[in-house]
């Protein structure tokens, strides 16, 4: 529909109202199951933190993959749906600037793909669930390294909030909830 002229705003509003009331919003072509087993790639520098995360996720519906290098993670990001949640310590492979390399790669992804990767950054200097810090760092969730045992609960709450925030966008674009 091409809209021109003086009444273009009203025409746009009418077109939008017609679209919304017709119920012909795009449906996701391949919806993601809400209760599916999510893949979590763990990029932690401290072996004790890795053990804590493995213990915390033992009885959860997540599949953990322990990353061994930044290259492995960027390779996984290239593959569709191989990585749902990324748990990243900024000091991961510090000698290679692994955390920064992964974040740079994430930021270069197209927006649709980037929205499908839920990024959690952990550090001893962060306050858990600090949404302002998460926003500043361009991630979905920040958590203090000393509280990694609560990560499954924090993830559940954060994913619910993320889905609530993007509900209208997902409905309008035909995307499924995370």
C-alpha atoms as a PDB file:
ATOM      1  CA  UNK A   1       0.000   0.000   0.000  1.00  0.00           C
ATOM      2  CA  UNK A   2       1.533   3.303  -1.066  1.00  0.00           C
ATOM      3  CA  UNK A   3       0.523   6.200   1.138  1.00  0.00           C
ATOM      4  CA  UNK A   4       0.970   9.758  -0.122  1.00  0.00           C
ATOM      5  CA  UNK A   5      -0.593  13.139   0.321  1.00  0.00           C
ATOM      6  CA  UNK A   6      -1.939  15.192   3.163  1.00  0.00           C
ATOM      7  CA  UNK A   7      -3.865  12.397   4.859  1.00  0.00           C
ATOM      8  CA  UNK A   8      -0.922  10.014   4.987  1.00  0.00           C
ATOM      9  CA  UNK A   9      -0.863   9.818   8.803  1.00  0.00           C
ATOM     10  CA  UNK A  10      -4.540   8.926   8.933  1.00  0.00           C
ATOM     11  CA  UNK A  11      -4.084   6.423   6.102  1.00  0.00           C
ATOM     12  CA  UNK A  12      -1.213   4.803   7.987  1.00  0.00           C
ATOM     13  CA  UNK A  13      -3.273   4.572  11.156  1.00  0.00           C
ATOM     14  CA  UNK A  14      -6.177   3.020   9.254  1.00  0.00           C
ATOM     15  CA  UNK A  15      -3.849   0.522   7.571  1.00  0.00           C
ATOM     16  CA  UNK A  16      -2.319  -0.410  10.913  1.00  0.00           C
ATOM     17  CA  UNK A  17      -5.731  -0.769  12.546  1.00  0.00           C
ATOM     18  CA  UNK A  18      -6.909  -2.966   9.672  1.00  0.00           C
ATOM     19  CA  UNK A  19      -3.852  -5.169   9.994  1.00  0.00           C
ATOM     20  CA  UNK A  20      -4.263  -5.534  13.738  1.00  0.00           C
ATOM     21  CA  UNK A  21      -7.993  -6.274  13.606  1.00  0.00           C
ATOM     22  CA  UNK A  22      -7.785  -8.685  10.675  1.00  0.00           C
ATOM     23  CA  UNK A  23      -5.734 -11.117  12.727  1.00  0.00           C
ATOM     24  CA  UNK A  24      -3.399 -11.631   9.801  1.00  0.00           C
ATOM     25  CA  UNK A  25      -0.198 -11.017  11.723  1.00  0.00           C
ATOM     26  CA  UNK A  26       2.644 -13.154  10.538  1.00  0.00           C
ATOM     27  CA  UNK A  27       3.002 -16.418  12.382  1.00  0.00           C
ATOM     28  CA  UNK A  28       6.437 -17.826  13.137  1.00  0.00           C
ATOM     29  CA  UNK A  29       7.528 -20.208  10.420  1.00  0.00           C
ATOM     30  CA  UNK A  30       9.371 -22.458  12.857  1.00  0.00           C
ATOM     31  CA  UNK A  31       8.278 -21.669  16.390  1.00  0.00           C
ATOM     32  CA  UNK A  32      10.653 -22.513  19.206  1.00  0.00           C
ATOM     33  CA  UNK A  33       9.205 -24.699  21.930  1.00  0.00           C
ATOM     34  CA  UNK A  34       8.795 -22.786  25.172  1.00  0.00           C
ATOM     35  CA  UNK A  35       9.991 -25.702  27.304  1.00  0.00           C
ATOM     36  CA  UNK A  36      12.698 -26.977  25.010  1.00  0.00           C
ATOM     37  CA  UNK A  37      16.153 -27.821  26.298  1.00  0.00           C
ATOM     38  CA  UNK A  38      18.232 -24.679  25.857  1.00  0.00           C
ATOM     39  CA  UNK A  39      21.916 -24.767  24.977  1.00  0.00           C
ATOM     40  CA  UNK A  40      24.131 -22.824  27.384  1.00  0.00           C
ATOM     41  CA  UNK A  41      27.701 -22.158  26.329  1.00  0.00           C
ATOM     42  CA  UNK A  42      29.868 -21.490  29.366  1.00  0.00           C
ATOM     43  CA  UNK A  43      32.899 -19.226  28.911  1.00  0.00           C
ATOM     44  CA  UNK A  44      34.368 -18.864  32.381  1.00  0.00           C
ATOM     45  CA  UNK A  45      37.965 -18.166  33.374  1.00  0.00           C
ATOM     46  CA  UNK A  46      37.819 -19.620  36.884  1.00  0.00           C
ATOM     47  CA  UNK A  47      37.594 -23.464  37.198  1.00  0.00           C
ATOM     48  CA  UNK A  48      35.722 -23.125  40.528  1.00  0.00           C
ATOM     49  CA  UNK A  49      33.061 -21.033  38.771  1.00  0.00           C
ATOM     50  CA  UNK A  50      32.732 -23.753  36.118  1.00  0.00           C
ATOM     51  CA  UNK A  51      32.151 -26.345  38.854  1.00  0.00           C
ATOM     52  CA  UNK A  52      29.536 -24.105  40.517  1.00  0.00           C
ATOM     53  CA  UNK A  53      27.670 -23.658  37.238  1.00  0.00           C
ATOM     54  CA  UNK A  54      27.741 -27.384  36.480  1.00  0.00           C
ATOM     55  CA  UNK A  55      26.313 -28.135  39.942  1.00  0.00           C
ATOM     56  CA  UNK A  56      23.639 -25.434  39.634  1.00  0.00           C
ATOM     57  CA  UNK A  57      22.420 -26.755  36.283  1.00  0.00           C
ATOM     58  CA  UNK A  58      22.495 -30.452  37.185  1.00  0.00           C
ATOM     59  CA  UNK A  59      18.723 -30.884  37.555  1.00  0.00           C
ATOM     60  CA  UNK A  60      17.733 -28.171  35.073  1.00  0.00           C
ATOM     61  CA  UNK A  61      16.450 -28.345  31.497  1.00  0.00           C
ATOM     62  CA  UNK A  62      19.613 -26.835  30.039  1.00  0.00           C
ATOM     63  CA  UNK A  63      22.369 -28.461  28.038  1.00  0.00           C
ATOM     64  CA  UNK A  64      25.785 -27.126  29.054  1.00  0.00           C
ATOM     65  CA  UNK A  65      28.761 -26.807  26.740  1.00  0.00           C
ATOM     66  CA  UNK A  66      32.057 -25.737  28.244  1.00  0.00           C
ATOM     67  CA  UNK A  67      33.832 -23.520  25.733  1.00  0.00           C
ATOM     68  CA  UNK A  68      37.545 -24.059  25.309  1.00  0.00           C
ATOM     69  CA  UNK A  69      38.365 -21.029  23.159  1.00  0.00           C
ATOM     70  CA  UNK A  70      36.893 -17.816  21.737  1.00  0.00           C
ATOM     71  CA  UNK A  71      37.134 -19.363  18.263  1.00  0.00           C
ATOM     72  CA  UNK A  72      34.891 -22.230  19.329  1.00  0.00           C
ATOM     73  CA  UNK A  73      32.264 -19.757  20.568  1.00  0.00           C
ATOM     74  CA  UNK A  74      32.330 -17.592  17.427  1.00  0.00           C
ATOM     75  CA  UNK A  75      32.022 -20.757  15.355  1.00  0.00           C
ATOM     76  CA  UNK A  76      28.962 -21.781  17.381  1.00  0.00           C
ATOM     77  CA  UNK A  77      27.446 -18.326  16.905  1.00  0.00           C
ATOM     78  CA  UNK A  78      27.717 -18.795  13.158  1.00  0.00           C
ATOM     79  CA  UNK A  79      25.625 -21.947  13.366  1.00  0.00           C
ATOM     80  CA  UNK A  80      21.906 -21.321  13.710  1.00  0.00           C
ATOM     81  CA  UNK A  81      20.365 -22.381  17.057  1.00  0.00           C
ATOM     82  CA  UNK A  82      23.534 -24.077  18.300  1.00  0.00           C
ATOM     83  CA  UNK A  83      23.826 -21.528  21.098  1.00  0.00           C
ATOM     84  CA  UNK A  84      20.859 -20.106  23.000  1.00  0.00           C
ATOM     85  CA  UNK A  85      22.455 -18.711  26.147  1.00  0.00           C
ATOM     86  CA  UNK A  86      26.007 -17.471  26.496  1.00  0.00           C
ATOM     87  CA  UNK A  87      27.522 -17.249  29.986  1.00  0.00           C
ATOM     88  CA  UNK A  88      30.592 -15.067  29.613  1.00  0.00           C
ATOM     89  CA  UNK A  89      33.316 -13.985  31.995  1.00  0.00           C
ATOM     90  CA  UNK A  90      35.105 -10.918  30.561  1.00  0.00           C
ATOM     91  CA  UNK A  91      38.383 -12.611  31.616  1.00  0.00           C
ATOM     92  CA  UNK A  92      37.714 -15.725  29.526  1.00  0.00           C
ATOM     93  CA  UNK A  93      40.998 -16.431  27.712  1.00  0.00           C
ATOM     94  CA  UNK A  94      42.325 -13.066  28.884  1.00  0.00           C
ATOM     95  CA  UNK A  95      45.648 -13.561  27.091  1.00  0.00           C
ATOM     96  CA  UNK A  96      43.692 -13.594  23.791  1.00  0.00           C
ATOM     97  CA  UNK A  97      41.143 -10.995  24.920  1.00  0.00           C
ATOM     98  CA  UNK A  98      38.579 -13.765  24.558  1.00  0.00           C
ATOM     99  CA  UNK A  99      35.697 -12.007  26.319  1.00  0.00           C
ATOM    100  CA  UNK A 100      36.138  -8.862  24.226  1.00  0.00           C
ATOM    101  CA  UNK A 101      36.489 -10.889  21.021  1.00  0.00           C
ATOM    102  CA  UNK A 102      33.248 -12.743  21.683  1.00  0.00           C
ATOM    103  CA  UNK A 103      31.380  -9.530  22.561  1.00  0.00           C
ATOM    104  CA  UNK A 104      32.655  -7.847  19.387  1.00  0.00           C
ATOM    105  CA  UNK A 105      31.454 -10.789  17.328  1.00  0.00           C
ATOM    106  CA  UNK A 106      28.058 -10.754  19.077  1.00  0.00           C
ATOM    107  CA  UNK A 107      27.657  -7.059  18.334  1.00  0.00           C
ATOM    108  CA  UNK A 108      28.328  -7.682  14.637  1.00  0.00           C
ATOM    109  CA  UNK A 109      25.501 -10.227  14.320  1.00  0.00           C
ATOM    110  CA  UNK A 110      22.370  -9.101  12.550  1.00  0.00           C
ATOM    111  CA  UNK A 111      19.704  -7.939  15.043  1.00  0.00           C
ATOM    112  CA  UNK A 112      17.384 -10.899  14.481  1.00  0.00           C
ATOM    113  CA  UNK A 113      20.162 -13.404  15.239  1.00  0.00           C
ATOM    114  CA  UNK A 114      21.518 -11.344  18.162  1.00  0.00           C
ATOM    115  CA  UNK A 115      18.064 -11.325  19.800  1.00  0.00           C
ATOM    116  CA  UNK A 116      18.170 -15.133  19.763  1.00  0.00           C
ATOM    117  CA  UNK A 117      21.310 -15.234  21.916  1.00  0.00           C
ATOM    118  CA  UNK A 118      20.656 -14.505  25.575  1.00  0.00           C
ATOM    119  CA  UNK A 119      23.922 -13.131  26.969  1.00  0.00           C
ATOM    120  CA  UNK A 120      24.807 -13.352  30.650  1.00  0.00           C
ATOM    121  CA  UNK A 121      27.997 -11.678  31.856  1.00  0.00           C
ATOM    122  CA  UNK A 122      29.514 -12.612  35.182  1.00  0.00           C
ATOM    123  CA  UNK A 123      32.136 -10.927  37.310  1.00  0.00           C
ATOM    124  CA  UNK A 124      32.972 -10.399  40.980  1.00  0.00           C
ATOM    125  CA  UNK A 125      32.455  -6.658  40.489  1.00  0.00           C
ATOM    126  CA  UNK A 126      28.817  -6.852  39.292  1.00  0.00           C
ATOM    127  CA  UNK A 127      25.671  -6.774  41.369  1.00  0.00           C
ATOM    128  CA  UNK A 128      23.426  -9.674  40.341  1.00  0.00           C
ATOM    129  CA  UNK A 129      20.359  -8.818  38.268  1.00  0.00           C
ATOM    130  CA  UNK A 130      21.484  -5.187  37.831  1.00  0.00           C
ATOM    131  CA  UNK A 131      19.499  -4.269  34.716  1.00  0.00           C
ATOM    132  CA  UNK A 132      21.227  -0.913  34.292  1.00  0.00           C
ATOM    133  CA  UNK A 133      24.641  -2.606  34.192  1.00  0.00           C
ATOM    134  CA  UNK A 134      23.260  -5.183  31.742  1.00  0.00           C
ATOM    135  CA  UNK A 135      21.973  -2.400  29.486  1.00  0.00           C
ATOM    136  CA  UNK A 136      25.295  -0.530  29.639  1.00  0.00           C
ATOM    137  CA  UNK A 137      27.213  -3.682  28.672  1.00  0.00           C
ATOM    138  CA  UNK A 138      24.755  -4.613  25.925  1.00  0.00           C
ATOM    139  CA  UNK A 139      23.816  -7.932  27.505  1.00  0.00           C
ATOM    140  CA  UNK A 140      20.638  -9.475  28.866  1.00  0.00           C
ATOM    141  CA  UNK A 141      21.751 -10.235  32.411  1.00  0.00           C
ATOM    142  CA  UNK A 142      24.673  -9.595  34.741  1.00  0.00           C
ATOM    143  CA  UNK A 143      25.372 -11.787  37.733  1.00  0.00           C
ATOM    144  CA  UNK A 144      27.991 -11.693  40.461  1.00  0.00           C
ATOM    145  CA  UNK A 145      30.404 -14.619  40.235  1.00  0.00           C
ATOM    146  CA  UNK A 146      29.860 -15.438  43.900  1.00  0.00           C
ATOM    147  CA  UNK A 147      26.149 -16.041  43.155  1.00  0.00           C
ATOM    148  CA  UNK A 148      26.495 -18.411  40.199  1.00  0.00           C
ATOM    149  CA  UNK A 149      24.637 -21.101  42.155  1.00  0.00           C
ATOM    150  CA  UNK A 150      21.459 -19.004  41.710  1.00  0.00           C
ATOM    151  CA  UNK A 151      21.941 -18.681  37.951  1.00  0.00           C
ATOM    152  CA  UNK A 152      19.098 -21.045  36.899  1.00  0.00           C
ATOM    153  CA  UNK A 153      16.545 -19.020  38.903  1.00  0.00           C
ATOM    154  CA  UNK A 154      17.985 -15.710  37.696  1.00  0.00           C
ATOM    155  CA  UNK A 155      17.865 -16.959  34.102  1.00  0.00           C
ATOM    156  CA  UNK A 156      14.261 -18.056  34.431  1.00  0.00           C
ATOM    157  CA  UNK A 157      13.191 -14.680  35.800  1.00  0.00           C
ATOM    158  CA  UNK A 158      15.257 -12.744  33.274  1.00  0.00           C
ATOM    159  CA  UNK A 159      13.955 -14.739  30.309  1.00  0.00           C
ATOM    160  CA  UNK A 160      10.364 -14.135  31.471  1.00  0.00           C
ATOM    161  CA  UNK A 161      11.043 -10.392  31.643  1.00  0.00           C
ATOM    162  CA  UNK A 162      12.764 -10.487  28.233  1.00  0.00           C
ATOM    163  CA  UNK A 163       9.768 -12.262  26.684  1.00  0.00           C
ATOM    164  CA  UNK A 164       7.397  -9.784  28.299  1.00  0.00           C
ATOM    165  CA  UNK A 165       9.418  -6.848  26.974  1.00  0.00           C
ATOM    166  CA  UNK A 166       9.515  -8.246  23.422  1.00  0.00           C
ATOM    167  CA  UNK A 167       5.971  -9.705  23.389  1.00  0.00           C
ATOM    168  CA  UNK A 168       4.448  -7.049  21.122  1.00  0.00           C
ATOM    169  CA  UNK A 169       7.490  -7.021  18.848  1.00  0.00           C
ATOM    170  CA  UNK A 170       7.446 -10.814  18.539  1.00  0.00           C
ATOM    171  CA  UNK A 171       3.724 -10.863  17.769  1.00  0.00           C
ATOM    172  CA  UNK A 172       4.041  -8.160  15.135  1.00  0.00           C
ATOM    173  CA  UNK A 173       7.121  -9.681  13.493  1.00  0.00           C
ATOM    174  CA  UNK A 174       5.954 -13.281  13.708  1.00  0.00           C
ATOM    175  CA  UNK A 175       8.865 -14.343  15.892  1.00  0.00           C
ATOM    176  CA  UNK A 176       8.420 -16.793  18.724  1.00  0.00           C
ATOM    177  CA  UNK A 177       9.247 -15.959  22.319  1.00  0.00           C
ATOM    178  CA  UNK A 178      12.723 -16.767  23.556  1.00  0.00           C
END
